[in-house]
């Protein structure tokens, strides 16, 4: 489910100089100045209120990661090691739910929780959840040029993420096998770590977002017990220890876990993107190429387009 604009913290390449993505700055500023953000938030909140629920789209949107560079923030591959407990994982900022929303969600009885989740993500037909309706309403204010800009920069980021997660040579799988780890590629490794993490978190019942894939109207998402927040939970600590060992092996076999993590972070989404100097120059070039389309958009909402080319 790709609901939010795909942004992330990324530190690809040898150039460690970072700055905020000029494309993201332009899209974010235009969305705020044009009223797009307000319309989406208002539509989502009113849709949930009509069903008898409280929801704060703006709080959920702003509750994501803060954009720290993964290689300096999370050890290993940043899967289980980015969390302090299974409970933090279940209610973490990567979910499209704010901390306050989680507090509200667990006060609902199981039947109401199921209704809340279906209304927010699925809707009556599986296509018209409140979030989908909100973004559809907002698209009316998004000019085609903005969508083209976003598509082009996202394509370049996905390409970069794929390169970071790819095996640089055919020796990596055999080298990892010699060290006791059977993975065909770093992407297979990340998938396995994710499944292991989900399995441990599942021990404590479903997360607030897990029900979005459930079509059963009687499905019940259980509140998360306090035990999930115990940082000393042995299976969780064991997974973190395993992740660190497999990360050490990967580095020795020629695949830097920090680079794989950066690529995964781009695909995962998160906070404001930090780009290298080379990436920034590429984005500025893209903005210049589309200046004839984007400059009028900026001026129409009171933005100075040239500031994004600096």
C-alpha atoms as a PDB file:
ATOM      1  CA  UNK A   1       0.000   0.000   0.000  1.00  0.00           C
ATOM      2  CA  UNK A   2       1.743   3.157  -1.223  1.00  0.00           C
ATOM      3  CA  UNK A   3      -0.192   5.921   0.491  1.00  0.00           C
ATOM      4  CA  UNK A   4       2.518   8.411   1.314  1.00  0.00           C
ATOM      5  CA  UNK A   5       4.973  10.158  -0.961  1.00  0.00           C
ATOM      6  CA  UNK A   6       7.993   7.891  -1.229  1.00  0.00           C
ATOM      7  CA  UNK A   7      10.779   9.682   0.597  1.00  0.00           C
ATOM      8  CA  UNK A   8      13.667   8.265   2.557  1.00  0.00           C
ATOM      9  CA  UNK A   9      17.048   8.668   4.171  1.00  0.00           C
ATOM     10  CA  UNK A  10      19.759   7.619   1.771  1.00  0.00           C
ATOM     11  CA  UNK A  11      23.533   7.825   1.784  1.00  0.00           C
ATOM     12  CA  UNK A  12      24.485   6.197  -1.488  1.00  0.00           C
ATOM     13  CA  UNK A  13      27.892   6.530  -3.074  1.00  0.00           C
ATOM     14  CA  UNK A  14      31.237   7.752  -1.896  1.00  0.00           C
ATOM     15  CA  UNK A  15      30.172  11.402  -1.670  1.00  0.00           C
ATOM     16  CA  UNK A  16      29.027  11.780   1.948  1.00  0.00           C
ATOM     17  CA  UNK A  17      27.955  15.430   1.601  1.00  0.00           C
ATOM     18  CA  UNK A  18      24.189  15.500   2.089  1.00  0.00           C
ATOM     19  CA  UNK A  19      21.423  18.053   1.797  1.00  0.00           C
ATOM     20  CA  UNK A  20      17.668  18.040   1.486  1.00  0.00           C
ATOM     21  CA  UNK A  21      16.249  16.813  -1.796  1.00  0.00           C
ATOM     22  CA  UNK A  22      15.287  19.862  -3.922  1.00  0.00           C
ATOM     23  CA  UNK A  23      12.543  17.870  -5.650  1.00  0.00           C
ATOM     24  CA  UNK A  24      10.996  16.827  -2.329  1.00  0.00           C
ATOM     25  CA  UNK A  25      11.223  20.399  -1.059  1.00  0.00           C
ATOM     26  CA  UNK A  26       9.390  21.687  -4.130  1.00  0.00           C
ATOM     27  CA  UNK A  27       6.674  19.013  -4.004  1.00  0.00           C
ATOM     28  CA  UNK A  28       6.148  19.456  -0.265  1.00  0.00           C
ATOM     29  CA  UNK A  29       6.054  23.251  -0.473  1.00  0.00           C
ATOM     30  CA  UNK A  30       3.680  23.227  -3.432  1.00  0.00           C
ATOM     31  CA  UNK A  31       1.388  20.687  -1.734  1.00  0.00           C
ATOM     32  CA  UNK A  32       1.178  22.893   1.359  1.00  0.00           C
ATOM     33  CA  UNK A  33       0.820  26.212  -0.472  1.00  0.00           C
ATOM     34  CA  UNK A  34      -1.765  24.930  -2.974  1.00  0.00           C
ATOM     35  CA  UNK A  35      -4.034  23.504  -0.284  1.00  0.00           C
ATOM     36  CA  UNK A  36      -3.459  19.904  -1.372  1.00  0.00           C
ATOM     37  CA  UNK A  37      -2.292  18.812   2.083  1.00  0.00           C
ATOM     38  CA  UNK A  38      -5.198  20.516   3.816  1.00  0.00           C
ATOM     39  CA  UNK A  39      -7.776  19.000   1.480  1.00  0.00           C
ATOM     40  CA  UNK A  40      -6.419  15.469   1.896  1.00  0.00           C
ATOM     41  CA  UNK A  41      -6.269  15.807   5.683  1.00  0.00           C
ATOM     42  CA  UNK A  42      -9.732  17.317   5.937  1.00  0.00           C
ATOM     43  CA  UNK A  43     -11.287  14.671   3.673  1.00  0.00           C
ATOM     44  CA  UNK A  44      -9.744  11.784   5.631  1.00  0.00           C
ATOM     45  CA  UNK A  45     -10.701  13.219   9.024  1.00  0.00           C
ATOM     46  CA  UNK A  46     -14.292  13.990   7.963  1.00  0.00           C
ATOM     47  CA  UNK A  47     -14.700  10.553   6.384  1.00  0.00           C
ATOM     48  CA  UNK A  48     -13.657   8.842   9.619  1.00  0.00           C
ATOM     49  CA  UNK A  49     -15.790  11.183  11.711  1.00  0.00           C
ATOM     50  CA  UNK A  50     -18.831  10.299   9.580  1.00  0.00           C
ATOM     51  CA  UNK A  51     -18.275   6.678  10.623  1.00  0.00           C
ATOM     52  CA  UNK A  52     -18.065   7.691  14.282  1.00  0.00           C
ATOM     53  CA  UNK A  53     -14.278   7.574  14.669  1.00  0.00           C
ATOM     54  CA  UNK A  54     -11.564  10.054  15.530  1.00  0.00           C
ATOM     55  CA  UNK A  55      -8.714  10.420  13.081  1.00  0.00           C
ATOM     56  CA  UNK A  56      -5.947  12.991  12.592  1.00  0.00           C
ATOM     57  CA  UNK A  57      -4.411  12.639   9.148  1.00  0.00           C
ATOM     58  CA  UNK A  58      -1.888  15.428   9.699  1.00  0.00           C
ATOM     59  CA  UNK A  59      -0.564  13.791  12.865  1.00  0.00           C
ATOM     60  CA  UNK A  60      -0.231  10.424  11.098  1.00  0.00           C
ATOM     61  CA  UNK A  61       1.506  12.024   8.111  1.00  0.00           C
ATOM     62  CA  UNK A  62       3.987  13.875  10.308  1.00  0.00           C
ATOM     63  CA  UNK A  63       4.795  10.948  12.602  1.00  0.00           C
ATOM     64  CA  UNK A  64       7.279   9.211  10.289  1.00  0.00           C
ATOM     65  CA  UNK A  65      11.032   8.840  10.681  1.00  0.00           C
ATOM     66  CA  UNK A  66      13.026  12.049  10.923  1.00  0.00           C
ATOM     67  CA  UNK A  67      15.397  11.258   8.102  1.00  0.00           C
ATOM     68  CA  UNK A  68      18.595  10.260   9.896  1.00  0.00           C
ATOM     69  CA  UNK A  69      21.123   8.493   7.702  1.00  0.00           C
ATOM     70  CA  UNK A  70      20.520   4.739   8.173  1.00  0.00           C
ATOM     71  CA  UNK A  71      24.223   3.837   8.133  1.00  0.00           C
ATOM     72  CA  UNK A  72      24.899   6.020  11.169  1.00  0.00           C
ATOM     73  CA  UNK A  73      21.628   5.334  12.995  1.00  0.00           C
ATOM     74  CA  UNK A  74      20.887   1.609  12.803  1.00  0.00           C
ATOM     75  CA  UNK A  75      23.355  -1.276  13.179  1.00  0.00           C
ATOM     76  CA  UNK A  76      23.211  -4.260  10.884  1.00  0.00           C
ATOM     77  CA  UNK A  77      20.650  -3.978   8.126  1.00  0.00           C
ATOM     78  CA  UNK A  78      18.306  -1.824  10.189  1.00  0.00           C
ATOM     79  CA  UNK A  79      15.498  -4.404  10.239  1.00  0.00           C
ATOM     80  CA  UNK A  80      15.008  -5.615  13.828  1.00  0.00           C
ATOM     81  CA  UNK A  81      17.842  -3.359  15.006  1.00  0.00           C
ATOM     82  CA  UNK A  82      15.924  -0.178  14.276  1.00  0.00           C
ATOM     83  CA  UNK A  83      13.512  -1.031  17.114  1.00  0.00           C
ATOM     84  CA  UNK A  84      13.946  -1.442  20.847  1.00  0.00           C
ATOM     85  CA  UNK A  85      11.143  -3.972  21.241  1.00  0.00           C
ATOM     86  CA  UNK A  86       8.438  -5.882  19.337  1.00  0.00           C
ATOM     87  CA  UNK A  87       5.946  -3.350  20.692  1.00  0.00           C
ATOM     88  CA  UNK A  88       7.822  -0.459  19.101  1.00  0.00           C
ATOM     89  CA  UNK A  89       7.828  -2.363  15.816  1.00  0.00           C
ATOM     90  CA  UNK A  90       4.079  -2.968  15.991  1.00  0.00           C
ATOM     91  CA  UNK A  91       3.294   0.692  16.579  1.00  0.00           C
ATOM     92  CA  UNK A  92       6.356   2.203  14.918  1.00  0.00           C
ATOM     93  CA  UNK A  93       6.413   5.398  12.856  1.00  0.00           C
ATOM     94  CA  UNK A  94       6.541   3.509   9.570  1.00  0.00           C
ATOM     95  CA  UNK A  95       2.898   2.657  10.089  1.00  0.00           C
ATOM     96  CA  UNK A  96       0.434   5.200   8.792  1.00  0.00           C
ATOM     97  CA  UNK A  97      -0.735   5.771  12.338  1.00  0.00           C
ATOM     98  CA  UNK A  98       0.498   8.340  14.845  1.00  0.00           C
ATOM     99  CA  UNK A  99       1.340   7.480  18.445  1.00  0.00           C
ATOM    100  CA  UNK A 100      -1.788   9.304  19.587  1.00  0.00           C
ATOM    101  CA  UNK A 101      -3.861   7.288  17.123  1.00  0.00           C
ATOM    102  CA  UNK A 102      -2.506   4.029  18.526  1.00  0.00           C
ATOM    103  CA  UNK A 103      -3.502   5.185  22.022  1.00  0.00           C
ATOM    104  CA  UNK A 104      -7.013   5.860  20.725  1.00  0.00           C
ATOM    105  CA  UNK A 105      -7.195   2.602  18.763  1.00  0.00           C
ATOM    106  CA  UNK A 106      -6.511   0.369  21.767  1.00  0.00           C
ATOM    107  CA  UNK A 107      -9.416   1.966  23.682  1.00  0.00           C
ATOM    108  CA  UNK A 108     -11.871   0.574  21.120  1.00  0.00           C
ATOM    109  CA  UNK A 109     -13.453  -2.823  21.626  1.00  0.00           C
ATOM    110  CA  UNK A 110     -12.458  -5.541  19.099  1.00  0.00           C
ATOM    111  CA  UNK A 111     -15.542  -5.075  16.914  1.00  0.00           C
ATOM    112  CA  UNK A 112     -14.976  -1.318  16.733  1.00  0.00           C
ATOM    113  CA  UNK A 113     -11.290  -1.852  15.972  1.00  0.00           C
ATOM    114  CA  UNK A 114     -12.210  -3.985  12.978  1.00  0.00           C
ATOM    115  CA  UNK A 115     -14.680  -1.321  11.798  1.00  0.00           C
ATOM    116  CA  UNK A 116     -12.097   1.423  12.270  1.00  0.00           C
ATOM    117  CA  UNK A 117      -9.488  -0.390  10.167  1.00  0.00           C
ATOM    118  CA  UNK A 118     -11.922  -1.349   7.427  1.00  0.00           C
ATOM    119  CA  UNK A 119     -13.235   2.200   7.215  1.00  0.00           C
ATOM    120  CA  UNK A 120      -9.756   3.719   7.105  1.00  0.00           C
ATOM    121  CA  UNK A 121      -8.055   1.335   4.667  1.00  0.00           C
ATOM    122  CA  UNK A 122     -10.575  -0.854   2.883  1.00  0.00           C
ATOM    123  CA  UNK A 123     -14.005   0.755   2.866  1.00  0.00           C
ATOM    124  CA  UNK A 124     -17.258  -0.930   1.972  1.00  0.00           C
ATOM    125  CA  UNK A 125     -16.118  -2.218  -1.439  1.00  0.00           C
ATOM    126  CA  UNK A 126     -12.421  -2.700  -0.826  1.00  0.00           C
ATOM    127  CA  UNK A 127     -11.592   0.390  -2.856  1.00  0.00           C
ATOM    128  CA  UNK A 128     -13.067   3.348  -1.011  1.00  0.00           C
ATOM    129  CA  UNK A 129     -11.378   3.500   2.381  1.00  0.00           C
ATOM    130  CA  UNK A 130     -11.128   6.970   3.871  1.00  0.00           C
ATOM    131  CA  UNK A 131      -7.452   7.287   2.967  1.00  0.00           C
ATOM    132  CA  UNK A 132      -8.101   6.350  -0.660  1.00  0.00           C
ATOM    133  CA  UNK A 133     -10.975   8.818  -0.867  1.00  0.00           C
ATOM    134  CA  UNK A 134      -8.811  11.521   0.667  1.00  0.00           C
ATOM    135  CA  UNK A 135      -5.966  11.092  -1.802  1.00  0.00           C
ATOM    136  CA  UNK A 136      -8.404  10.920  -4.710  1.00  0.00           C
ATOM    137  CA  UNK A 137      -9.869  14.245  -3.602  1.00  0.00           C
ATOM    138  CA  UNK A 138      -6.393  15.727  -3.358  1.00  0.00           C
ATOM    139  CA  UNK A 139      -5.414  14.558  -6.838  1.00  0.00           C
ATOM    140  CA  UNK A 140      -7.830  17.116  -8.247  1.00  0.00           C
ATOM    141  CA  UNK A 141      -5.394  19.810  -7.095  1.00  0.00           C
ATOM    142  CA  UNK A 142      -2.289  18.050  -8.410  1.00  0.00           C
ATOM    143  CA  UNK A 143      -1.332  19.221 -11.906  1.00  0.00           C
ATOM    144  CA  UNK A 144       0.043  16.668 -14.364  1.00  0.00           C
ATOM    145  CA  UNK A 145       3.488  18.310 -14.314  1.00  0.00           C
ATOM    146  CA  UNK A 146       3.854  17.609 -10.607  1.00  0.00           C
ATOM    147  CA  UNK A 147       2.984  13.953 -11.096  1.00  0.00           C
ATOM    148  CA  UNK A 148       5.489  13.726 -13.960  1.00  0.00           C
ATOM    149  CA  UNK A 149       8.197  15.250 -11.763  1.00  0.00           C
ATOM    150  CA  UNK A 150       7.472  12.816  -8.971  1.00  0.00           C
ATOM    151  CA  UNK A 151       7.387   9.821 -11.288  1.00  0.00           C
ATOM    152  CA  UNK A 152      10.775  10.713 -12.773  1.00  0.00           C
ATOM    153  CA  UNK A 153      12.555  11.224  -9.458  1.00  0.00           C
ATOM    154  CA  UNK A 154      10.981   8.133  -7.879  1.00  0.00           C
ATOM    155  CA  UNK A 155      12.098   6.047 -10.853  1.00  0.00           C
ATOM    156  CA  UNK A 156      15.668   7.213 -10.351  1.00  0.00           C
ATOM    157  CA  UNK A 157      15.529   6.432  -6.630  1.00  0.00           C
ATOM    158  CA  UNK A 158      14.124   2.959  -7.211  1.00  0.00           C
ATOM    159  CA  UNK A 159      16.882   2.300  -9.736  1.00  0.00           C
ATOM    160  CA  UNK A 160      19.460   3.431  -7.172  1.00  0.00           C
ATOM    161  CA  UNK A 161      17.845   1.272  -4.477  1.00  0.00           C
ATOM    162  CA  UNK A 162      17.925  -1.737  -6.772  1.00  0.00           C
ATOM    163  CA  UNK A 163      21.598  -1.190  -7.472  1.00  0.00           C
ATOM    164  CA  UNK A 164      22.364  -0.944  -3.754  1.00  0.00           C
ATOM    165  CA  UNK A 165      20.503  -4.160  -2.964  1.00  0.00           C
ATOM    166  CA  UNK A 166      21.946  -6.078  -5.913  1.00  0.00           C
ATOM    167  CA  UNK A 167      24.745  -8.578  -5.568  1.00  0.00           C
ATOM    168  CA  UNK A 168      27.914  -6.905  -6.897  1.00  0.00           C
ATOM    169  CA  UNK A 169      29.378 -10.223  -8.019  1.00  0.00           C
ATOM    170  CA  UNK A 170      28.512 -13.890  -8.198  1.00  0.00           C
ATOM    171  CA  UNK A 171      30.762 -14.596  -5.240  1.00  0.00           C
ATOM    172  CA  UNK A 172      28.470 -13.161  -2.552  1.00  0.00           C
ATOM    173  CA  UNK A 173      26.040 -16.130  -2.267  1.00  0.00           C
ATOM    174  CA  UNK A 174      28.838 -18.703  -2.143  1.00  0.00           C
ATOM    175  CA  UNK A 175      30.833 -16.594   0.311  1.00  0.00           C
ATOM    176  CA  UNK A 176      27.773 -16.292   2.563  1.00  0.00           C
ATOM    177  CA  UNK A 177      27.135 -20.035   2.275  1.00  0.00           C
ATOM    178  CA  UNK A 178      30.693 -20.691   3.440  1.00  0.00           C
ATOM    179  CA  UNK A 179      29.873 -18.626   6.528  1.00  0.00           C
ATOM    180  CA  UNK A 180      26.681 -20.598   7.194  1.00  0.00           C
ATOM    181  CA  UNK A 181      24.055 -18.290   5.612  1.00  0.00           C
ATOM    182  CA  UNK A 182      22.031 -19.479   2.610  1.00  0.00           C
ATOM    183  CA  UNK A 183      20.877 -16.384   0.703  1.00  0.00           C
ATOM    184  CA  UNK A 184      20.834 -15.866  -3.044  1.00  0.00           C
ATOM    185  CA  UNK A 185      21.020 -12.076  -2.785  1.00  0.00           C
ATOM    186  CA  UNK A 186      20.935  -9.266  -0.212  1.00  0.00           C
ATOM    187  CA  UNK A 187      17.263  -8.755  -1.106  1.00  0.00           C
ATOM    188  CA  UNK A 188      16.545 -12.365  -0.091  1.00  0.00           C
ATOM    189  CA  UNK A 189      18.347 -11.674   3.175  1.00  0.00           C
ATOM    190  CA  UNK A 190      16.223  -8.597   3.920  1.00  0.00           C
ATOM    191  CA  UNK A 191      13.036 -10.496   3.077  1.00  0.00           C
ATOM    192  CA  UNK A 192      14.000 -13.264   5.494  1.00  0.00           C
ATOM    193  CA  UNK A 193      14.785 -10.801   8.285  1.00  0.00           C
ATOM    194  CA  UNK A 194      11.432  -9.105   7.697  1.00  0.00           C
ATOM    195  CA  UNK A 195       9.550 -12.393   7.914  1.00  0.00           C
ATOM    196  CA  UNK A 196      11.356 -13.327  11.119  1.00  0.00           C
ATOM    197  CA  UNK A 197      10.515  -9.938  12.608  1.00  0.00           C
ATOM    198  CA  UNK A 198       6.852 -10.237  11.625  1.00  0.00           C
ATOM    199  CA  UNK A 199       6.755 -13.712  13.164  1.00  0.00           C
ATOM    200  CA  UNK A 200       8.040 -12.437  16.500  1.00  0.00           C
ATOM    201  CA  UNK A 201       5.713  -9.430  16.489  1.00  0.00           C
ATOM    202  CA  UNK A 202       2.811 -11.740  15.651  1.00  0.00           C
ATOM    203  CA  UNK A 203       3.342 -13.401  19.032  1.00  0.00           C
ATOM    204  CA  UNK A 204       1.639 -10.378  20.568  1.00  0.00           C
ATOM    205  CA  UNK A 205      -1.378 -10.175  18.297  1.00  0.00           C
ATOM    206  CA  UNK A 206      -1.953  -8.085  15.209  1.00  0.00           C
ATOM    207  CA  UNK A 207      -0.653  -4.569  14.729  1.00  0.00           C
ATOM    208  CA  UNK A 208      -3.145  -1.755  14.048  1.00  0.00           C
ATOM    209  CA  UNK A 209      -2.448  -1.968  10.299  1.00  0.00           C
ATOM    210  CA  UNK A 210      -2.460  -5.736   9.901  1.00  0.00           C
ATOM    211  CA  UNK A 211      -6.221  -5.831   9.349  1.00  0.00           C
ATOM    212  CA  UNK A 212      -6.002  -3.855   6.136  1.00  0.00           C
ATOM    213  CA  UNK A 213      -5.452  -7.138   4.275  1.00  0.00           C
ATOM    214  CA  UNK A 214      -8.343  -8.846   6.053  1.00  0.00           C
ATOM    215  CA  UNK A 215     -11.648  -8.957   4.190  1.00  0.00           C
ATOM    216  CA  UNK A 216     -13.597 -10.655   6.990  1.00  0.00           C
ATOM    217  CA  UNK A 217     -15.892  -8.036   8.605  1.00  0.00           C
ATOM    218  CA  UNK A 218     -15.728 -10.006  11.844  1.00  0.00           C
ATOM    219  CA  UNK A 219     -11.939  -9.915  11.947  1.00  0.00           C
ATOM    220  CA  UNK A 220     -10.634  -8.689  15.293  1.00  0.00           C
ATOM    221  CA  UNK A 221      -7.352  -6.897  15.860  1.00  0.00           C
ATOM    222  CA  UNK A 222      -6.303  -7.437  19.472  1.00  0.00           C
ATOM    223  CA  UNK A 223      -4.803  -4.617  21.540  1.00  0.00           C
ATOM    224  CA  UNK A 224      -1.043  -4.905  21.990  1.00  0.00           C
ATOM    225  CA  UNK A 225      -0.164  -6.137  25.511  1.00  0.00           C
ATOM    226  CA  UNK A 226       2.522  -4.540  27.641  1.00  0.00           C
ATOM    227  CA  UNK A 227       4.670  -7.656  27.281  1.00  0.00           C
ATOM    228  CA  UNK A 228       5.384  -6.594  23.700  1.00  0.00           C
ATOM    229  CA  UNK A 229       7.311  -3.609  25.006  1.00  0.00           C
ATOM    230  CA  UNK A 230       9.711  -5.757  27.041  1.00  0.00           C
ATOM    231  CA  UNK A 231      13.140  -5.109  25.516  1.00  0.00           C
ATOM    232  CA  UNK A 232      14.427  -8.305  27.143  1.00  0.00           C
ATOM    233  CA  UNK A 233      12.044 -10.560  25.165  1.00  0.00           C
ATOM    234  CA  UNK A 234      14.444 -13.426  24.236  1.00  0.00           C
ATOM    235  CA  UNK A 235      13.254 -14.175  20.656  1.00  0.00           C
ATOM    236  CA  UNK A 236      13.525 -10.494  19.718  1.00  0.00           C
ATOM    237  CA  UNK A 237      17.019 -10.174  21.163  1.00  0.00           C
ATOM    238  CA  UNK A 238      18.011 -13.397  19.402  1.00  0.00           C
ATOM    239  CA  UNK A 239      16.845 -11.989  16.074  1.00  0.00           C
ATOM    240  CA  UNK A 240      18.846  -8.807  16.604  1.00  0.00           C
ATOM    241  CA  UNK A 241      21.914 -10.905  17.422  1.00  0.00           C
ATOM    242  CA  UNK A 242      21.354 -12.969  14.265  1.00  0.00           C
ATOM    243  CA  UNK A 243      20.970  -9.831  12.158  1.00  0.00           C
ATOM    244  CA  UNK A 244      24.263  -8.445  13.429  1.00  0.00           C
ATOM    245  CA  UNK A 245      26.042 -11.737  12.690  1.00  0.00           C
ATOM    246  CA  UNK A 246      24.657 -11.982   9.157  1.00  0.00           C
ATOM    247  CA  UNK A 247      25.469  -8.304   8.558  1.00  0.00           C
ATOM    248  CA  UNK A 248      29.066  -8.900   9.614  1.00  0.00           C
ATOM    249  CA  UNK A 249      29.266 -11.860   7.230  1.00  0.00           C
ATOM    250  CA  UNK A 250      27.773  -9.827   4.380  1.00  0.00           C
ATOM    251  CA  UNK A 251      30.326  -7.060   4.862  1.00  0.00           C
ATOM    252  CA  UNK A 252      33.135  -9.606   4.783  1.00  0.00           C
ATOM    253  CA  UNK A 253      31.664 -11.021   1.549  1.00  0.00           C
ATOM    254  CA  UNK A 254      31.716  -7.635  -0.170  1.00  0.00           C
ATOM    255  CA  UNK A 255      28.205  -6.255   0.371  1.00  0.00           C
ATOM    256  CA  UNK A 256      28.108  -3.306   2.772  1.00  0.00           C
ATOM    257  CA  UNK A 257      25.034  -3.580   5.060  1.00  0.00           C
ATOM    258  CA  UNK A 258      24.845   0.226   5.248  1.00  0.00           C
ATOM    259  CA  UNK A 259      24.415   0.478   1.474  1.00  0.00           C
ATOM    260  CA  UNK A 260      21.831  -2.298   1.380  1.00  0.00           C
ATOM    261  CA  UNK A 261      20.012  -0.556   4.225  1.00  0.00           C
ATOM    262  CA  UNK A 262      20.026   2.724   2.315  1.00  0.00           C
ATOM    263  CA  UNK A 263      18.495   1.033  -0.705  1.00  0.00           C
ATOM    264  CA  UNK A 264      15.846  -0.676   1.417  1.00  0.00           C
ATOM    265  CA  UNK A 265      15.096   2.631   3.122  1.00  0.00           C
ATOM    266  CA  UNK A 266      14.402   4.241  -0.229  1.00  0.00           C
ATOM    267  CA  UNK A 267      11.881   1.511  -1.011  1.00  0.00           C
ATOM    268  CA  UNK A 268      10.394   1.593   2.477  1.00  0.00           C
ATOM    269  CA  UNK A 269       9.793   5.307   2.659  1.00  0.00           C
ATOM    270  CA  UNK A 270      10.265   7.516   5.669  1.00  0.00           C
ATOM    271  CA  UNK A 271      11.309  11.015   6.540  1.00  0.00           C
ATOM    272  CA  UNK A 272      12.784  13.789   4.418  1.00  0.00           C
ATOM    273  CA  UNK A 273      15.254  12.537   1.842  1.00  0.00           C
ATOM    274  CA  UNK A 274      18.890  13.510   2.269  1.00  0.00           C
ATOM    275  CA  UNK A 275      20.800  13.284  -1.002  1.00  0.00           C
ATOM    276  CA  UNK A 276      24.457  13.357  -1.931  1.00  0.00           C
ATOM    277  CA  UNK A 277      25.898  16.281  -3.881  1.00  0.00           C
ATOM    278  CA  UNK A 278      25.778  14.210  -7.058  1.00  0.00           C
ATOM    279  CA  UNK A 279      22.141  13.263  -6.467  1.00  0.00           C
ATOM    280  CA  UNK A 280      21.235  16.853  -5.701  1.00  0.00           C
ATOM    281  CA  UNK A 281      22.811  18.048  -8.941  1.00  0.00           C
ATOM    282  CA  UNK A 282      20.808  15.423 -10.814  1.00  0.00           C
ATOM    283  CA  UNK A 283      17.562  16.581  -9.192  1.00  0.00           C
ATOM    284  CA  UNK A 284      18.307  20.238  -9.903  1.00  0.00           C
ATOM    285  CA  UNK A 285      18.927  19.304 -13.534  1.00  0.00           C
ATOM    286  CA  UNK A 286      15.526  17.605 -13.604  1.00  0.00           C
ATOM    287  CA  UNK A 287      13.875  20.723 -12.191  1.00  0.00           C
ATOM    288  CA  UNK A 288      15.618  22.868 -14.834  1.00  0.00           C
ATOM    289  CA  UNK A 289      14.475  20.525 -17.614  1.00  0.00           C
ATOM    290  CA  UNK A 290      10.876  20.908 -16.421  1.00  0.00           C
ATOM    291  CA  UNK A 291      11.141  24.609 -15.557  1.00  0.00           C
ATOM    292  CA  UNK A 292       8.708  25.712 -18.258  1.00  0.00           C
ATOM    293  CA  UNK A 293       6.029  23.573 -16.604  1.00  0.00           C
ATOM    294  CA  UNK A 294       7.004  23.952 -12.950  1.00  0.00           C
ATOM    295  CA  UNK A 295       7.817  27.663 -12.736  1.00  0.00           C
ATOM    296  CA  UNK A 296       4.192  28.746 -13.453  1.00  0.00           C
ATOM    297  CA  UNK A 297       2.971  26.286 -10.809  1.00  0.00           C
ATOM    298  CA  UNK A 298       5.323  27.753  -8.230  1.00  0.00           C
ATOM    299  CA  UNK A 299       4.352  31.324  -9.062  1.00  0.00           C
ATOM    300  CA  UNK A 300       0.648  30.488  -8.908  1.00  0.00           C
ATOM    301  CA  UNK A 301       0.966  29.645  -5.203  1.00  0.00           C
ATOM    302  CA  UNK A 302       3.531  32.295  -4.294  1.00  0.00           C
ATOM    303  CA  UNK A 303       6.704  30.174  -4.408  1.00  0.00           C
ATOM    304  CA  UNK A 304      10.015  31.334  -5.872  1.00  0.00           C
ATOM    305  CA  UNK A 305      11.016  28.521  -8.210  1.00  0.00           C
ATOM    306  CA  UNK A 306      14.628  29.667  -8.427  1.00  0.00           C
ATOM    307  CA  UNK A 307      15.213  28.884  -4.748  1.00  0.00           C
ATOM    308  CA  UNK A 308      14.899  25.174  -5.620  1.00  0.00           C
ATOM    309  CA  UNK A 309      17.659  25.517  -8.219  1.00  0.00           C
ATOM    310  CA  UNK A 310      20.166  26.946  -5.760  1.00  0.00           C
END
